[in-house]
Amino acid sequence: MPRMPRMPRKKPSPEEIVAELRQVDVLVSQGRPVAEAVRTIGATSFTYYRWRKEFGGLKVD
């Protein structure tokens, strides 16, 4: 059976990143572990902490 080619992943916009960071914050405040909350947005912990460093202080209009 031939392998299907992978679809290229679209880089999320800054607004999408801030929304996903906020979603992780909500899940963590509800008592979920950070690693589990990060998995729900489909990111790695490395990506999550990089996004926090770059976009952590931004607000969505």
N, C-alpha and C. Protein backbone atom coordinates (compact mmCIF):
# COMPACT_ATOMS: atom_id res chain seq x y z
N MET A 1 0.85 -1.18 0.00
CA MET A 1 0.00 0.00 0.00
C MET A 1 0.89 1.24 0.00
N PRO A 2 0.72 2.14 -0.97
CA PRO A 2 1.59 3.32 -1.03
C PRO A 2 1.26 4.31 0.08
N ARG A 3 2.31 4.98 0.54
CA ARG A 3 2.12 5.99 1.59
C ARG A 3 1.55 7.26 0.99
N MET A 4 0.66 7.86 1.72
CA MET A 4 0.08 9.13 1.29
C MET A 4 1.06 10.25 1.64
N PRO A 5 1.24 11.21 0.74
CA PRO A 5 2.13 12.33 1.07
C PRO A 5 1.52 13.18 2.18
N ARG A 6 2.38 13.72 3.02
CA ARG A 6 1.91 14.57 4.11
C ARG A 6 1.48 15.92 3.55
N MET A 7 0.44 16.45 4.13
CA MET A 7 -0.01 17.79 3.77
C MET A 7 0.86 18.79 4.52
N PRO A 8 1.29 19.85 3.84
CA PRO A 8 2.08 20.85 4.56
C PRO A 8 1.21 21.54 5.61
N ARG A 9 1.81 21.81 6.77
CA ARG A 9 1.06 22.45 7.85
C ARG A 9 1.11 23.95 7.66
N LYS A 10 -0.02 24.59 7.85
CA LYS A 10 -0.11 26.04 7.75
C LYS A 10 0.36 26.64 9.06
N LYS A 11 1.20 27.65 8.97
CA LYS A 11 1.66 28.32 10.18
C LYS A 11 0.51 29.16 10.73
N PRO A 12 0.19 29.01 12.02
CA PRO A 12 -0.93 29.78 12.58
C PRO A 12 -0.59 31.27 12.67
N SER A 13 -1.61 32.08 12.54
CA SER A 13 -1.43 33.53 12.66
C SER A 13 -1.21 33.88 14.13
N PRO A 14 -0.65 35.07 14.40
CA PRO A 14 -0.48 35.48 15.80
C PRO A 14 -1.78 35.47 16.59
N GLU A 15 -2.89 35.83 15.95
CA GLU A 15 -4.18 35.82 16.64
C GLU A 15 -4.58 34.40 17.03
N GLU A 16 -4.32 33.43 16.13
CA GLU A 16 -4.64 32.04 16.43
C GLU A 16 -3.75 31.51 17.56
N ILE A 17 -2.48 31.91 17.56
CA ILE A 17 -1.56 31.47 18.60
C ILE A 17 -2.01 32.00 19.96
N VAL A 18 -2.35 33.29 20.02
CA VAL A 18 -2.79 33.87 21.29
C VAL A 18 -4.07 33.17 21.78
N ALA A 19 -4.98 32.85 20.87
CA ALA A 19 -6.21 32.15 21.25
C ALA A 19 -5.89 30.75 21.79
N GLU A 20 -4.94 30.07 21.17
CA GLU A 20 -4.58 28.74 21.65
C GLU A 20 -3.87 28.81 23.00
N LEU A 21 -3.03 29.82 23.19
CA LEU A 21 -2.38 30.00 24.50
C LEU A 21 -3.42 30.24 25.58
N ARG A 22 -4.43 31.04 25.26
CA ARG A 22 -5.51 31.31 26.22
C ARG A 22 -6.28 30.03 26.53
N GLN A 23 -6.50 29.20 25.50
CA GLN A 23 -7.21 27.93 25.72
C GLN A 23 -6.42 27.04 26.67
N VAL A 24 -5.10 26.98 26.50
CA VAL A 24 -4.27 26.18 27.41
C VAL A 24 -4.36 26.75 28.82
N ASP A 25 -4.33 28.08 28.97
CA ASP A 25 -4.43 28.69 30.30
C ASP A 25 -5.74 28.30 30.99
N VAL A 26 -6.83 28.28 30.23
CA VAL A 26 -8.13 27.91 30.80
C VAL A 26 -8.11 26.45 31.26
N LEU A 27 -7.57 25.56 30.44
CA LEU A 27 -7.52 24.15 30.81
C LEU A 27 -6.64 23.93 32.05
N VAL A 28 -5.52 24.64 32.12
CA VAL A 28 -4.63 24.50 33.28
C VAL A 28 -5.33 25.04 34.53
N SER A 29 -6.07 26.13 34.39
CA SER A 29 -6.77 26.68 35.56
C SER A 29 -7.88 25.75 36.04
N GLN A 30 -8.35 24.86 35.16
CA GLN A 30 -9.36 23.88 35.54
C GLN A 30 -8.71 22.64 36.17
N GLY A 31 -7.38 22.64 36.29
CA GLY A 31 -6.70 21.56 36.98
C GLY A 31 -6.04 20.53 36.10
N ARG A 32 -6.06 20.73 34.79
CA ARG A 32 -5.39 19.77 33.91
C ARG A 32 -3.90 20.03 33.90
N PRO A 33 -3.10 18.98 33.73
CA PRO A 33 -1.64 19.18 33.61
C PRO A 33 -1.31 19.96 32.33
N VAL A 34 -0.23 20.73 32.38
CA VAL A 34 0.15 21.55 31.24
C VAL A 34 0.38 20.68 30.00
N ALA A 35 1.08 19.57 30.15
CA ALA A 35 1.37 18.71 28.99
C ALA A 35 0.09 18.22 28.32
N GLU A 36 -0.90 17.86 29.12
CA GLU A 36 -2.17 17.40 28.56
C GLU A 36 -2.90 18.54 27.86
N ALA A 37 -2.90 19.72 28.47
CA ALA A 37 -3.56 20.88 27.87
C ALA A 37 -2.90 21.27 26.55
N VAL A 38 -1.59 21.19 26.51
CA VAL A 38 -0.86 21.54 25.27
C VAL A 38 -1.20 20.55 24.17
N ARG A 39 -1.33 19.26 24.52
CA ARG A 39 -1.69 18.26 23.51
C ARG A 39 -3.07 18.53 22.91
N THR A 40 -3.99 19.11 23.68
CA THR A 40 -5.34 19.36 23.16
C THR A 40 -5.33 20.39 22.04
N ILE A 41 -4.34 21.28 22.01
CA ILE A 41 -4.26 22.26 20.91
C ILE A 41 -3.41 21.75 19.77
N GLY A 42 -2.85 20.55 19.92
CA GLY A 42 -2.09 19.94 18.84
C GLY A 42 -0.67 20.48 18.70
N ALA A 43 -0.09 20.95 19.79
CA ALA A 43 1.27 21.48 19.76
C ALA A 43 2.16 20.65 20.67
N THR A 44 3.46 20.81 20.49
CA THR A 44 4.41 20.18 21.40
C THR A 44 4.68 21.13 22.55
N SER A 45 5.23 20.61 23.63
CA SER A 45 5.54 21.48 24.76
C SER A 45 6.61 22.49 24.37
N PHE A 46 7.56 22.10 23.50
CA PHE A 46 8.57 23.04 23.02
C PHE A 46 7.92 24.22 22.30
N THR A 47 6.97 23.91 21.41
CA THR A 47 6.26 24.96 20.67
C THR A 47 5.46 25.84 21.62
N TYR A 48 4.79 25.22 22.59
CA TYR A 48 3.99 25.98 23.56
C TYR A 48 4.85 27.00 24.30
N TYR A 49 5.99 26.56 24.83
CA TYR A 49 6.83 27.49 25.60
C TYR A 49 7.47 28.54 24.71
N ARG A 50 7.76 28.20 23.45
CA ARG A 50 8.27 29.20 22.51
C ARG A 50 7.19 30.25 22.23
N TRP A 51 5.97 29.80 22.02
CA TRP A 51 4.87 30.73 21.80
C TRP A 51 4.63 31.60 23.03
N ARG A 52 4.73 31.00 24.22
CA ARG A 52 4.54 31.79 25.45
C ARG A 52 5.57 32.90 25.54
N LYS A 53 6.80 32.57 25.19
CA LYS A 53 7.88 33.56 25.25
C LYS A 53 7.63 34.68 24.25
N GLU A 54 7.18 34.32 23.05
CA GLU A 54 7.00 35.31 21.98
C GLU A 54 5.67 36.04 22.06
N PHE A 55 4.58 35.35 22.38
CA PHE A 55 3.24 35.93 22.31
C PHE A 55 2.53 36.01 23.65
N GLY A 56 3.18 35.61 24.73
CA GLY A 56 2.51 35.50 26.02
C GLY A 56 1.84 36.77 26.52
N GLY A 57 2.39 37.93 26.24
CA GLY A 57 1.83 39.17 26.74
C GLY A 57 0.86 39.86 25.82
N LEU A 58 0.57 39.26 24.66
CA LEU A 58 -0.32 39.90 23.69
C LEU A 58 -1.77 39.61 23.99
N LYS A 59 -2.64 40.51 23.60
CA LYS A 59 -4.09 40.33 23.76
C LYS A 59 -4.74 40.34 22.38
N VAL A 60 -5.79 39.58 22.23
CA VAL A 60 -6.55 39.57 20.99
C VAL A 60 -7.60 40.66 21.05
N ASP A 61 -7.69 41.46 19.99
CA ASP A 61 -8.70 42.53 19.94
C ASP A 61 -10.09 41.99 19.74
